[in-house]
Amino acid sequence: MIVYLTAVVKSKPGKSELLKSLLFELVSHSIKENACLQYELHQSSDDENVFIFHEEWASTEGLALHNSQPHLKAFVEKSAGILDGGFNIYKTNKIS
């Protein structure tokens, strides 16, 4: 069963470019995962500090494997001082 996620993350003021570079690195690794069907990164047009992921994973197991990957753990470590809060993650059901 496909897993749909929307994840929102915000950088501290003045740190959006640094966070964006870390997010690009995360994307480059994540899209290579077998279970990754979609991994799109967007930046808010109203607030340069807000980034939004739209993700699709082939299965719950594939998402769990993603969450244990070294590149995700490295991102968490590198971004700790520049995030304004944590990730807000919404698991959704596609209805249309």
N, C-alpha and C. Protein backbone atom coordinates (compact mmCIF):
# COMPACT_ATOMS: atom_id res chain seq x y z
N MET A 1 0.84 -1.18 0.00
CA MET A 1 0.00 0.00 0.00
C MET A 1 0.88 1.24 0.00
N ILE A 2 0.60 2.18 -0.89
CA ILE A 2 1.40 3.40 -1.00
C ILE A 2 1.17 4.28 0.23
N VAL A 3 2.26 4.88 0.72
CA VAL A 3 2.22 5.80 1.85
C VAL A 3 2.46 7.20 1.30
N TYR A 4 1.54 8.11 1.60
CA TYR A 4 1.64 9.51 1.17
C TYR A 4 2.01 10.36 2.38
N LEU A 5 3.01 11.21 2.21
CA LEU A 5 3.44 12.09 3.29
C LEU A 5 3.60 13.51 2.77
N THR A 6 3.28 14.46 3.63
CA THR A 6 3.66 15.84 3.44
C THR A 6 4.44 16.22 4.69
N ALA A 7 5.63 16.74 4.48
CA ALA A 7 6.49 17.12 5.61
C ALA A 7 6.85 18.60 5.45
N VAL A 8 6.73 19.33 6.55
CA VAL A 8 7.03 20.77 6.55
C VAL A 8 8.14 21.02 7.55
N VAL A 9 9.14 21.78 7.11
CA VAL A 9 10.26 22.13 7.98
C VAL A 9 10.57 23.61 7.78
N LYS A 10 11.04 24.25 8.83
CA LYS A 10 11.32 25.68 8.77
C LYS A 10 12.72 25.94 9.30
N SER A 11 13.44 26.82 8.61
CA SER A 11 14.77 27.22 9.08
C SER A 11 14.65 28.43 10.00
N LYS A 12 15.67 28.61 10.79
CA LYS A 12 15.77 29.84 11.57
C LYS A 12 16.01 30.99 10.59
N PRO A 13 15.62 32.21 10.95
CA PRO A 13 15.85 33.35 10.05
C PRO A 13 17.33 33.45 9.66
N GLY A 14 17.56 33.70 8.38
CA GLY A 14 18.91 33.83 7.87
C GLY A 14 19.60 32.51 7.55
N LYS A 15 18.92 31.41 7.77
CA LYS A 15 19.52 30.08 7.55
C LYS A 15 18.85 29.31 6.42
N SER A 16 17.99 29.96 5.65
CA SER A 16 17.24 29.22 4.63
C SER A 16 18.14 28.65 3.54
N GLU A 17 19.15 29.38 3.11
CA GLU A 17 20.04 28.86 2.06
C GLU A 17 20.85 27.66 2.55
N LEU A 18 21.29 27.72 3.79
CA LEU A 18 22.02 26.59 4.36
C LEU A 18 21.12 25.38 4.46
N LEU A 19 19.90 25.57 4.96
CA LEU A 19 18.96 24.45 5.05
C LEU A 19 18.64 23.92 3.66
N LYS A 20 18.45 24.81 2.71
CA LYS A 20 18.12 24.37 1.35
C LYS A 20 19.22 23.46 0.80
N SER A 21 20.48 23.80 1.04
CA SER A 21 21.57 22.96 0.53
C SER A 21 21.56 21.59 1.20
N LEU A 22 21.23 21.54 2.49
CA LEU A 22 21.13 20.25 3.18
C LEU A 22 19.94 19.44 2.66
N LEU A 23 18.85 20.13 2.36
CA LEU A 23 17.67 19.45 1.83
C LEU A 23 17.93 18.90 0.43
N PHE A 24 18.66 19.66 -0.40
CA PHE A 24 19.01 19.16 -1.73
C PHE A 24 19.83 17.87 -1.62
N GLU A 25 20.74 17.85 -0.67
CA GLU A 25 21.56 16.65 -0.45
C GLU A 25 20.67 15.47 -0.03
N LEU A 26 19.73 15.74 0.86
CA LEU A 26 18.80 14.71 1.31
C LEU A 26 17.98 14.17 0.14
N VAL A 27 17.48 15.06 -0.69
CA VAL A 27 16.69 14.65 -1.85
C VAL A 27 17.52 13.77 -2.78
N SER A 28 18.76 14.17 -3.04
CA SER A 28 19.59 13.43 -4.00
C SER A 28 19.80 11.98 -3.57
N HIS A 29 19.84 11.73 -2.28
CA HIS A 29 19.99 10.35 -1.79
C HIS A 29 18.63 9.63 -1.71
N SER A 30 17.62 10.33 -1.25
CA SER A 30 16.32 9.70 -1.01
C SER A 30 15.66 9.22 -2.29
N ILE A 31 15.81 9.96 -3.38
CA ILE A 31 15.15 9.56 -4.63
C ILE A 31 15.77 8.29 -5.22
N LYS A 32 16.92 7.88 -4.72
CA LYS A 32 17.57 6.65 -5.19
C LYS A 32 17.09 5.41 -4.45
N GLU A 33 16.32 5.60 -3.39
CA GLU A 33 15.84 4.45 -2.61
C GLU A 33 14.78 3.69 -3.41
N ASN A 34 14.82 2.38 -3.32
CA ASN A 34 13.91 1.53 -4.09
C ASN A 34 12.44 1.83 -3.80
N ALA A 35 12.11 2.12 -2.57
CA ALA A 35 10.71 2.33 -2.20
C ALA A 35 10.21 3.74 -2.49
N CYS A 36 11.10 4.62 -2.90
CA CYS A 36 10.71 6.01 -3.15
C CYS A 36 10.02 6.14 -4.50
N LEU A 37 8.76 6.56 -4.47
CA LEU A 37 8.01 6.78 -5.70
C LEU A 37 7.97 8.26 -6.07
N GLN A 38 8.01 9.12 -5.05
CA GLN A 38 8.00 10.57 -5.26
C GLN A 38 8.66 11.22 -4.05
N TYR A 39 9.48 12.22 -4.30
CA TYR A 39 10.15 12.94 -3.21
C TYR A 39 10.42 14.34 -3.71
N GLU A 40 9.40 15.18 -3.65
CA GLU A 40 9.48 16.54 -4.18
C GLU A 40 9.68 17.54 -3.06
N LEU A 41 10.56 18.49 -3.30
CA LEU A 41 10.83 19.55 -2.34
C LEU A 41 10.33 20.87 -2.91
N HIS A 42 9.58 21.60 -2.09
CA HIS A 42 9.06 22.91 -2.46
C HIS A 42 9.50 23.91 -1.40
N GLN A 43 9.60 25.17 -1.81
CA GLN A 43 9.88 26.26 -0.88
C GLN A 43 8.69 27.21 -0.93
N SER A 44 8.24 27.66 0.22
CA SER A 44 7.10 28.56 0.29
C SER A 44 7.39 29.85 -0.46
N SER A 45 6.43 30.32 -1.21
CA SER A 45 6.59 31.61 -1.90
C SER A 45 6.28 32.77 -0.97
N ASP A 46 5.70 32.47 0.20
CA ASP A 46 5.38 33.51 1.18
C ASP A 46 6.43 33.65 2.28
N ASP A 47 7.19 32.59 2.52
CA ASP A 47 8.17 32.58 3.60
C ASP A 47 9.36 31.73 3.17
N GLU A 48 10.48 32.37 2.87
CA GLU A 48 11.64 31.65 2.34
C GLU A 48 12.20 30.62 3.32
N ASN A 49 11.81 30.68 4.57
CA ASN A 49 12.30 29.76 5.58
C ASN A 49 11.50 28.46 5.65
N VAL A 50 10.41 28.36 4.92
CA VAL A 50 9.53 27.19 4.99
C VAL A 50 9.73 26.31 3.76
N PHE A 51 9.97 25.01 4.01
CA PHE A 51 10.17 24.01 2.96
C PHE A 51 9.16 22.89 3.16
N ILE A 52 8.64 22.39 2.04
CA ILE A 52 7.58 21.39 2.08
C ILE A 52 7.95 20.23 1.16
N PHE A 53 7.88 19.03 1.72
CA PHE A 53 8.09 17.81 0.94
C PHE A 53 6.75 17.17 0.63
N HIS A 54 6.62 16.66 -0.59
CA HIS A 54 5.51 15.80 -0.97
C HIS A 54 6.16 14.46 -1.33
N GLU A 55 5.80 13.44 -0.57
CA GLU A 55 6.46 12.14 -0.72
C GLU A 55 5.44 11.03 -0.96
N GLU A 56 5.88 10.04 -1.72
CA GLU A 56 5.13 8.79 -1.88
C GLU A 56 6.12 7.65 -1.72
N TRP A 57 5.73 6.70 -0.88
CA TRP A 57 6.56 5.53 -0.61
C TRP A 57 5.78 4.29 -0.97
N ALA A 58 6.45 3.31 -1.53
CA ALA A 58 5.80 2.09 -2.01
C ALA A 58 5.14 1.30 -0.89
N SER A 59 5.65 1.44 0.33
CA SER A 59 5.10 0.66 1.45
C SER A 59 5.53 1.27 2.77
N THR A 60 4.87 0.83 3.82
CA THR A 60 5.25 1.25 5.17
C THR A 60 6.66 0.79 5.49
N GLU A 61 7.00 -0.41 5.02
CA GLU A 61 8.34 -0.96 5.26
C GLU A 61 9.40 -0.11 4.54
N GLY A 62 9.09 0.33 3.33
CA GLY A 62 10.01 1.17 2.59
C GLY A 62 10.24 2.51 3.27
N LEU A 63 9.17 3.07 3.81
CA LEU A 63 9.30 4.32 4.56
C LEU A 63 10.13 4.10 5.82
N ALA A 64 9.90 3.00 6.51
CA ALA A 64 10.68 2.69 7.71
C ALA A 64 12.16 2.54 7.37
N LEU A 65 12.45 1.92 6.24
CA LEU A 65 13.84 1.78 5.81
C LEU A 65 14.43 3.16 5.52
N HIS A 66 13.68 4.02 4.86
CA HIS A 66 14.12 5.40 4.59
C HIS A 66 14.48 6.11 5.90
N ASN A 67 13.63 5.96 6.88
CA ASN A 67 13.84 6.64 8.16
C ASN A 67 15.07 6.14 8.91
N SER A 68 15.60 5.01 8.50
CA SER A 68 16.80 4.47 9.17
C SER A 68 18.08 4.67 8.34
N GLN A 69 17.97 5.32 7.19
CA GLN A 69 19.11 5.48 6.29
C GLN A 69 20.15 6.45 6.86
N PRO A 70 21.43 6.19 6.60
CA PRO A 70 22.50 7.08 7.06
C PRO A 70 22.35 8.52 6.56
N HIS A 71 21.86 8.71 5.32
CA HIS A 71 21.73 10.08 4.82
C HIS A 71 20.66 10.87 5.57
N LEU A 72 19.62 10.19 6.04
CA LEU A 72 18.60 10.88 6.82
C LEU A 72 19.13 11.21 8.21
N LYS A 73 19.84 10.27 8.81
CA LYS A 73 20.44 10.52 10.12
C LYS A 73 21.46 11.65 10.04
N ALA A 74 22.25 11.69 8.96
CA ALA A 74 23.24 12.76 8.78
C ALA A 74 22.54 14.11 8.64
N PHE A 75 21.43 14.14 7.90
CA PHE A 75 20.68 15.39 7.75
C PHE A 75 20.20 15.89 9.11
N VAL A 76 19.65 15.00 9.91
CA VAL A 76 19.15 15.38 11.23
C VAL A 76 20.26 16.01 12.07
N GLU A 77 21.44 15.42 12.03
CA GLU A 77 22.57 15.94 12.79
C GLU A 77 23.02 17.30 12.27
N LYS A 78 23.18 17.42 10.96
CA LYS A 78 23.69 18.66 10.36
C LYS A 78 22.71 19.83 10.49
N SER A 79 21.42 19.54 10.51
CA SER A 79 20.41 20.60 10.51
C SER A 79 19.95 21.00 11.91
N ALA A 80 20.40 20.30 12.92
CA ALA A 80 19.90 20.53 14.28
C ALA A 80 19.97 21.99 14.72
N GLY A 81 21.03 22.69 14.41
CA GLY A 81 21.18 24.06 14.87
C GLY A 81 20.53 25.11 14.01
N ILE A 82 19.99 24.72 12.86
CA ILE A 82 19.42 25.72 11.95
C ILE A 82 17.91 25.59 11.77
N LEU A 83 17.33 24.55 12.34
CA LEU A 83 15.88 24.37 12.23
C LEU A 83 15.14 25.20 13.27
N ASP A 84 14.02 25.74 12.85
CA ASP A 84 13.12 26.44 13.76
C ASP A 84 12.01 25.45 14.11
N GLY A 85 12.27 24.61 15.10
CA GLY A 85 11.36 23.51 15.43
C GLY A 85 11.78 22.27 14.67
N GLY A 86 10.92 21.29 14.67
CA GLY A 86 11.22 20.04 13.97
C GLY A 86 10.39 19.92 12.72
N PHE A 87 10.36 18.73 12.17
CA PHE A 87 9.52 18.44 11.01
C PHE A 87 8.08 18.25 11.48
N ASN A 88 7.15 18.82 10.75
CA ASN A 88 5.74 18.50 10.91
C ASN A 88 5.41 17.54 9.78
N ILE A 89 5.05 16.32 10.15
CA ILE A 89 4.82 15.28 9.15
C ILE A 89 3.35 14.87 9.17
N TYR A 90 2.75 14.88 7.99
CA TYR A 90 1.34 14.52 7.83
C TYR A 90 1.26 13.30 6.93
N LYS A 91 0.79 12.19 7.47
CA LYS A 91 0.53 11.00 6.66
C LYS A 91 -0.90 11.13 6.17
N THR A 92 -1.10 10.99 4.87
CA THR A 92 -2.42 11.24 4.31
C THR A 92 -2.91 10.08 3.47
N ASN A 93 -4.18 10.11 3.15
CA ASN A 93 -4.79 9.16 2.22
C ASN A 93 -5.19 9.94 0.98
N LYS A 94 -4.80 9.44 -0.17
CA LYS A 94 -5.17 10.09 -1.43
C LYS A 94 -6.65 9.82 -1.68
N ILE A 95 -7.40 10.91 -1.89
CA ILE A 95 -8.84 10.74 -2.07
C ILE A 95 -9.34 11.17 -3.45
N SER A 96 -8.44 11.69 -4.25
CA SER A 96 -8.85 11.99 -5.65
C SER A 96 -7.63 12.02 -6.54
